[in-house]
């Protein structure tokens, strides 16, 4: 029974990793690519690790899997946020279909500072 559960979890994890890779290839800009890779990739790797924990069924393996998954759920969103923010600040172009850019109102391109609405005037670009 544990082999069946392990196999199903492994296949689901591989499917989510494939979806993440497909999203990286197909999405039009860096922010959407990072979204696809962090969301589906984290879930895919977590399912693969759970599959390994079910397969081996020992406490040391299960404890390591739990710690790795906790670390990934903490580190992946933070890393994606930092990379996306850096990409935005060095002015990597957004997809032409991007409708909302909430950061534009708070970011001063000259000083590279983020601020509130009172510190940095709202810039109309339309």
N, C-alpha and C. Protein backbone atom coordinates (compact mmCIF):
# COMPACT_ATOMS: atom_id res chain seq x y z
N UNK A 1 0.82 -1.20 0.00
CA UNK A 1 0.00 0.00 0.00
C UNK A 1 0.86 1.26 0.00
N UNK A 2 1.96 1.24 0.79
CA UNK A 2 2.81 2.43 0.83
C UNK A 2 3.52 2.66 -0.50
N UNK A 3 3.76 1.57 -1.26
CA UNK A 3 4.37 1.73 -2.58
C UNK A 3 3.42 2.46 -3.53
N UNK A 4 2.15 2.16 -3.45
CA UNK A 4 1.16 2.82 -4.29
C UNK A 4 1.06 4.30 -3.94
N UNK A 5 0.98 4.61 -2.66
CA UNK A 5 0.91 6.01 -2.22
C UNK A 5 2.18 6.76 -2.61
N UNK A 6 3.31 6.13 -2.42
CA UNK A 6 4.58 6.74 -2.79
C UNK A 6 4.65 6.99 -4.29
N UNK A 7 4.18 6.05 -5.08
CA UNK A 7 4.18 6.21 -6.54
C UNK A 7 3.26 7.34 -6.98
N UNK A 8 2.08 7.40 -6.40
CA UNK A 8 1.13 8.47 -6.75
C UNK A 8 1.69 9.84 -6.38
N UNK A 9 2.25 9.95 -5.18
CA UNK A 9 2.84 11.22 -4.76
C UNK A 9 4.03 11.59 -5.65
N UNK A 10 4.83 10.61 -6.03
CA UNK A 10 5.96 10.86 -6.92
C UNK A 10 5.51 11.35 -8.29
N UNK A 11 4.48 10.71 -8.83
CA UNK A 11 3.96 11.14 -10.13
C UNK A 11 3.35 12.54 -10.06
N UNK A 12 2.61 12.82 -8.99
CA UNK A 12 2.04 14.17 -8.84
C UNK A 12 3.15 15.21 -8.69
N UNK A 13 4.18 14.87 -7.92
CA UNK A 13 5.30 15.79 -7.76
C UNK A 13 6.01 16.05 -9.06
N UNK A 14 6.23 14.99 -9.84
CA UNK A 14 6.86 15.15 -11.16
C UNK A 14 5.98 15.98 -12.08
N UNK A 15 4.67 15.79 -12.00
CA UNK A 15 3.75 16.57 -12.83
C UNK A 15 3.82 18.05 -12.49
N UNK A 16 3.84 18.37 -11.20
CA UNK A 16 3.93 19.77 -10.80
C UNK A 16 5.28 20.39 -11.17
N UNK A 17 6.33 19.61 -11.07
CA UNK A 17 7.65 20.11 -11.51
C UNK A 17 7.65 20.37 -13.01
N UNK A 18 6.99 19.49 -13.76
CA UNK A 18 6.87 19.69 -15.21
C UNK A 18 6.06 20.95 -15.52
N UNK A 19 4.98 21.16 -14.78
CA UNK A 19 4.17 22.36 -14.98
C UNK A 19 4.99 23.61 -14.66
N UNK A 20 5.81 23.55 -13.62
CA UNK A 20 6.67 24.69 -13.28
C UNK A 20 7.66 24.96 -14.41
N UNK A 21 8.26 23.92 -14.94
CA UNK A 21 9.21 24.10 -16.04
C UNK A 21 8.51 24.63 -17.28
N UNK A 22 7.33 24.14 -17.55
CA UNK A 22 6.56 24.63 -18.69
C UNK A 22 6.19 26.11 -18.50
N UNK A 23 5.84 26.48 -17.28
CA UNK A 23 5.53 27.88 -16.99
C UNK A 23 6.73 28.79 -17.19
N UNK A 24 7.91 28.31 -16.81
CA UNK A 24 9.13 29.11 -17.02
C UNK A 24 9.38 29.31 -18.51
N UNK A 25 9.10 28.30 -19.31
CA UNK A 25 9.31 28.42 -20.75
C UNK A 25 8.25 29.26 -21.45
N UNK A 26 7.01 29.18 -20.99
CA UNK A 26 5.90 29.78 -21.72
C UNK A 26 5.48 31.18 -21.26
N UNK A 27 5.77 31.55 -20.04
CA UNK A 27 5.32 32.85 -19.53
C UNK A 27 6.11 33.99 -20.19
N UNK A 28 5.45 35.15 -20.38
CA UNK A 28 6.06 36.21 -21.18
C UNK A 28 7.07 37.10 -20.46
N UNK A 29 7.03 37.22 -19.14
CA UNK A 29 8.00 38.09 -18.48
C UNK A 29 8.53 37.43 -17.21
N UNK A 30 9.52 38.06 -16.62
CA UNK A 30 10.24 37.45 -15.50
C UNK A 30 9.35 37.26 -14.27
N UNK A 31 8.44 38.17 -14.03
CA UNK A 31 7.60 38.05 -12.84
C UNK A 31 6.65 36.86 -12.94
N UNK A 32 6.09 36.66 -14.11
CA UNK A 32 5.20 35.51 -14.30
C UNK A 32 5.98 34.20 -14.29
N UNK A 33 7.17 34.22 -14.85
CA UNK A 33 8.01 33.01 -14.82
C UNK A 33 8.37 32.63 -13.38
N UNK A 34 8.70 33.63 -12.59
CA UNK A 34 9.06 33.36 -11.20
C UNK A 34 7.85 32.86 -10.42
N UNK A 35 6.68 33.38 -10.72
CA UNK A 35 5.47 32.91 -10.07
C UNK A 35 5.24 31.43 -10.37
N UNK A 36 5.37 31.08 -11.64
CA UNK A 36 5.16 29.68 -12.03
C UNK A 36 6.19 28.77 -11.37
N UNK A 37 7.44 29.20 -11.36
CA UNK A 37 8.48 28.32 -10.81
C UNK A 37 8.39 28.18 -9.30
N UNK A 38 8.04 29.24 -8.60
CA UNK A 38 7.99 29.13 -7.13
C UNK A 38 6.76 28.38 -6.65
N UNK A 39 5.61 28.65 -7.23
CA UNK A 39 4.39 27.99 -6.75
C UNK A 39 4.37 26.51 -7.10
N UNK A 40 4.42 26.21 -8.40
CA UNK A 40 4.33 24.81 -8.82
C UNK A 40 5.59 24.05 -8.46
N UNK A 41 6.74 24.68 -8.53
CA UNK A 41 7.99 24.01 -8.20
C UNK A 41 8.07 23.61 -6.74
N UNK A 42 7.66 24.50 -5.86
CA UNK A 42 7.67 24.19 -4.43
C UNK A 42 6.72 23.04 -4.11
N UNK A 43 5.54 23.08 -4.71
CA UNK A 43 4.58 21.99 -4.48
C UNK A 43 5.10 20.68 -5.05
N UNK A 44 5.69 20.73 -6.25
CA UNK A 44 6.21 19.52 -6.87
C UNK A 44 7.33 18.89 -6.07
N UNK A 45 8.27 19.68 -5.64
CA UNK A 45 9.39 19.14 -4.85
C UNK A 45 8.90 18.64 -3.49
N UNK A 46 7.94 19.33 -2.91
CA UNK A 46 7.39 18.87 -1.64
C UNK A 46 6.72 17.51 -1.80
N UNK A 47 5.96 17.34 -2.88
CA UNK A 47 5.32 16.04 -3.10
C UNK A 47 6.35 14.94 -3.35
N UNK A 48 7.41 15.27 -4.08
CA UNK A 48 8.47 14.27 -4.29
C UNK A 48 9.15 13.88 -2.98
N UNK A 49 9.38 14.87 -2.13
CA UNK A 49 10.00 14.57 -0.83
C UNK A 49 9.07 13.75 0.06
N UNK A 50 7.78 14.07 0.05
CA UNK A 50 6.82 13.28 0.82
C UNK A 50 6.76 11.85 0.29
N UNK A 51 6.86 11.71 -1.03
CA UNK A 51 6.91 10.39 -1.63
C UNK A 51 8.11 9.60 -1.11
N UNK A 52 9.25 10.25 -1.00
CA UNK A 52 10.44 9.58 -0.47
C UNK A 52 10.24 9.20 1.00
N UNK A 53 9.61 10.10 1.77
CA UNK A 53 9.37 9.80 3.18
C UNK A 53 8.43 8.61 3.33
N UNK A 54 7.39 8.54 2.50
CA UNK A 54 6.47 7.40 2.56
C UNK A 54 7.17 6.13 2.12
N UNK A 55 8.00 6.23 1.10
CA UNK A 55 8.70 5.04 0.59
C UNK A 55 9.64 4.45 1.64
N UNK A 56 10.46 5.31 2.25
CA UNK A 56 11.43 4.79 3.22
C UNK A 56 10.79 4.52 4.57
N UNK A 57 9.85 5.38 4.98
CA UNK A 57 9.08 5.13 6.19
C UNK A 57 9.86 5.11 7.49
N UNK A 58 11.03 5.72 7.54
CA UNK A 58 11.79 5.78 8.78
C UNK A 58 11.72 7.19 9.37
N UNK A 59 11.94 7.27 10.64
CA UNK A 59 11.86 8.57 11.31
C UNK A 59 12.93 9.56 10.83
N UNK A 60 14.19 9.15 10.68
CA UNK A 60 15.19 10.13 10.22
C UNK A 60 14.88 10.73 8.84
N UNK A 61 14.41 9.89 7.94
CA UNK A 61 14.06 10.38 6.60
C UNK A 61 12.86 11.32 6.69
N UNK A 62 11.85 10.93 7.43
CA UNK A 62 10.65 11.76 7.57
C UNK A 62 10.98 13.09 8.23
N UNK A 63 11.81 13.08 9.25
CA UNK A 63 12.19 14.33 9.92
C UNK A 63 12.95 15.25 8.97
N UNK A 64 13.85 14.68 8.19
CA UNK A 64 14.59 15.49 7.22
C UNK A 64 13.67 16.07 6.16
N UNK A 65 12.73 15.27 5.70
CA UNK A 65 11.78 15.74 4.69
C UNK A 65 10.95 16.90 5.25
N UNK A 66 10.49 16.77 6.46
CA UNK A 66 9.69 17.84 7.07
C UNK A 66 10.52 19.12 7.19
N UNK A 67 11.75 19.00 7.63
CA UNK A 67 12.61 20.19 7.76
C UNK A 67 12.91 20.82 6.40
N UNK A 68 13.15 20.00 5.39
CA UNK A 68 13.41 20.54 4.06
C UNK A 68 12.19 21.26 3.52
N UNK A 69 11.01 20.68 3.70
CA UNK A 69 9.78 21.31 3.21
C UNK A 69 9.53 22.63 3.93
N UNK A 70 9.73 22.67 5.24
CA UNK A 70 9.56 23.92 5.98
C UNK A 70 10.55 24.97 5.47
N UNK A 71 11.79 24.57 5.27
CA UNK A 71 12.79 25.50 4.74
C UNK A 71 12.39 26.02 3.35
N UNK A 72 11.91 25.13 2.49
CA UNK A 72 11.51 25.56 1.14
C UNK A 72 10.32 26.51 1.18
N UNK A 73 9.36 26.24 2.05
CA UNK A 73 8.19 27.12 2.13
C UNK A 73 8.56 28.49 2.69
N UNK A 74 9.64 28.57 3.42
CA UNK A 74 10.11 29.87 3.92
C UNK A 74 11.03 30.54 2.91
N UNK A 75 11.97 29.80 2.35
CA UNK A 75 13.02 30.39 1.52
C UNK A 75 12.57 30.71 0.09
N UNK A 76 11.77 29.86 -0.53
CA UNK A 76 11.41 30.08 -1.93
C UNK A 76 10.63 31.38 -2.16
N UNK A 77 9.60 31.69 -1.38
CA UNK A 77 8.90 32.95 -1.61
C UNK A 77 9.79 34.17 -1.35
N UNK A 78 10.66 34.08 -0.36
CA UNK A 78 11.54 35.21 -0.06
C UNK A 78 12.54 35.41 -1.20
N UNK A 79 13.12 34.33 -1.68
CA UNK A 79 14.06 34.43 -2.79
C UNK A 79 13.39 34.96 -4.05
N UNK A 80 12.18 34.49 -4.32
CA UNK A 80 11.46 34.98 -5.49
C UNK A 80 11.14 36.47 -5.35
N UNK A 81 10.75 36.89 -4.17
CA UNK A 81 10.45 38.29 -3.94
C UNK A 81 11.69 39.17 -4.15
N UNK A 82 12.81 38.75 -3.62
CA UNK A 82 14.06 39.51 -3.77
C UNK A 82 14.48 39.59 -5.23
N UNK A 83 14.40 38.47 -5.94
CA UNK A 83 14.77 38.48 -7.35
C UNK A 83 13.82 39.32 -8.19
N UNK A 84 12.52 39.23 -7.90
CA UNK A 84 11.55 40.03 -8.65
C UNK A 84 11.74 41.52 -8.38
N UNK A 85 12.02 41.85 -7.15
CA UNK A 85 12.25 43.26 -6.81
C UNK A 85 13.52 43.78 -7.49
N UNK A 86 14.58 42.98 -7.52
CA UNK A 86 15.79 43.39 -8.21
C UNK A 86 15.55 43.54 -9.70
N UNK A 87 14.79 42.62 -10.27
CA UNK A 87 14.47 42.72 -11.71
C UNK A 87 13.67 43.98 -11.99
N UNK A 88 12.75 44.32 -11.11
CA UNK A 88 11.95 45.54 -11.31
C UNK A 88 12.83 46.78 -11.20
N UNK A 89 13.74 46.79 -10.24
CA UNK A 89 14.58 47.96 -10.00
C UNK A 89 15.59 48.19 -11.11
N UNK A 90 16.05 47.12 -11.77
CA UNK A 90 16.99 47.35 -12.88
C UNK A 90 16.23 47.50 -14.20
N UNK A 91 14.92 47.64 -14.08
CA UNK A 91 14.05 48.01 -15.20
C UNK A 91 13.96 46.95 -16.28
N UNK A 92 13.86 45.69 -15.87
CA UNK A 92 13.57 44.64 -16.84
C UNK A 92 12.12 44.84 -17.27
N UNK A 93 11.86 44.87 -18.57
CA UNK A 93 10.51 45.23 -19.03
C UNK A 93 9.45 44.21 -18.60
N UNK A 94 8.29 44.75 -18.24
CA UNK A 94 7.15 43.91 -17.92
C UNK A 94 6.45 43.50 -19.21
N UNK A 95 5.63 42.50 -19.11
CA UNK A 95 4.84 42.05 -20.25
C UNK A 95 3.92 43.17 -20.69
N UNK A 96 3.71 43.31 -21.99
CA UNK A 96 2.87 44.40 -22.50
C UNK A 96 1.41 44.27 -22.06
N UNK A 97 1.01 43.09 -21.65
CA UNK A 97 -0.35 42.88 -21.16
C UNK A 97 -0.52 43.13 -19.68
N UNK A 98 0.53 43.58 -18.99
CA UNK A 98 0.42 43.88 -17.57
C UNK A 98 -0.51 45.06 -17.38
N UNK A 99 -1.52 44.87 -16.55
CA UNK A 99 -2.55 45.89 -16.36
C UNK A 99 -2.24 46.77 -15.15
N UNK A 100 -1.80 46.18 -14.06
CA UNK A 100 -1.58 46.91 -12.82
C UNK A 100 -0.10 46.85 -12.44
N UNK A 101 0.46 48.01 -12.14
CA UNK A 101 1.82 48.10 -11.63
C UNK A 101 1.76 48.93 -10.36
N UNK A 102 1.48 48.29 -9.23
CA UNK A 102 1.28 49.00 -7.97
C UNK A 102 2.56 49.60 -7.42
N UNK A 103 3.69 49.06 -7.80
CA UNK A 103 4.96 49.55 -7.28
C UNK A 103 5.38 50.86 -7.91
N UNK A 104 4.92 51.14 -9.12
CA UNK A 104 5.32 52.34 -9.85
C UNK A 104 5.04 53.62 -9.06
N UNK A 105 3.94 53.64 -8.33
CA UNK A 105 3.57 54.83 -7.56
C UNK A 105 4.48 55.08 -6.37
N UNK A 106 5.15 54.05 -5.90
CA UNK A 106 5.94 54.14 -4.68
C UNK A 106 7.44 54.12 -4.93
N UNK A 107 7.85 54.03 -6.17
CA UNK A 107 9.27 53.85 -6.48
C UNK A 107 9.78 55.06 -7.24
N UNK A 108 10.87 55.65 -6.74
CA UNK A 108 11.51 56.77 -7.41
C UNK A 108 12.67 56.24 -8.25
N UNK A 109 12.55 56.36 -9.57
CA UNK A 109 13.55 55.80 -10.49
C UNK A 109 14.90 56.50 -10.36
N UNK A 110 14.90 57.76 -9.96
CA UNK A 110 16.16 58.50 -9.87
C UNK A 110 16.98 58.11 -8.64
N UNK A 111 16.33 58.00 -7.50
CA UNK A 111 17.04 57.69 -6.26
C UNK A 111 16.99 56.21 -5.89
N UNK A 112 16.16 55.45 -6.59
CA UNK A 112 15.97 54.02 -6.32
C UNK A 112 15.49 53.78 -4.89
N UNK A 113 14.59 54.62 -4.44
CA UNK A 113 14.03 54.48 -3.10
C UNK A 113 12.55 54.16 -3.17
N UNK A 114 12.12 53.33 -2.25
CA UNK A 114 10.71 53.08 -2.08
C UNK A 114 10.19 53.99 -0.98
N UNK A 115 8.99 54.45 -1.14
CA UNK A 115 8.42 55.31 -0.13
C UNK A 115 6.92 55.21 -0.11
N UNK A 116 6.32 55.92 0.81
CA UNK A 116 4.87 55.94 0.88
C UNK A 116 4.34 56.99 -0.09
N UNK A 117 3.03 57.14 -0.14
CA UNK A 117 2.43 58.11 -1.06
C UNK A 117 2.79 59.55 -0.69
N UNK A 118 3.08 59.80 0.59
CA UNK A 118 3.41 61.16 1.00
C UNK A 118 4.84 61.55 0.60
N UNK A 119 5.76 60.61 0.56
CA UNK A 119 7.17 60.92 0.27
C UNK A 119 7.47 61.04 -1.21
N UNK A 120 6.85 60.21 -2.01
CA UNK A 120 7.14 60.20 -3.43
C UNK A 120 5.85 60.50 -4.19
N UNK A 121 5.86 61.53 -5.00
CA UNK A 121 4.65 61.88 -5.72
C UNK A 121 4.25 60.78 -6.70
N UNK A 122 2.95 60.66 -6.91
CA UNK A 122 2.45 59.68 -7.86
C UNK A 122 2.76 60.16 -9.26
N UNK A 123 3.33 59.27 -10.07
CA UNK A 123 3.70 59.62 -11.43
C UNK A 123 2.66 59.03 -12.38
N UNK A 124 2.13 59.87 -13.21
CA UNK A 124 1.18 59.42 -14.23
C UNK A 124 1.97 59.08 -15.49
N UNK A 125 1.86 57.86 -15.94
CA UNK A 125 2.60 57.44 -17.13
C UNK A 125 1.68 57.22 -18.32
N UNK A 126 0.40 57.41 -18.14
CA UNK A 126 -0.53 57.15 -19.25
C UNK A 126 -0.83 58.42 -19.97
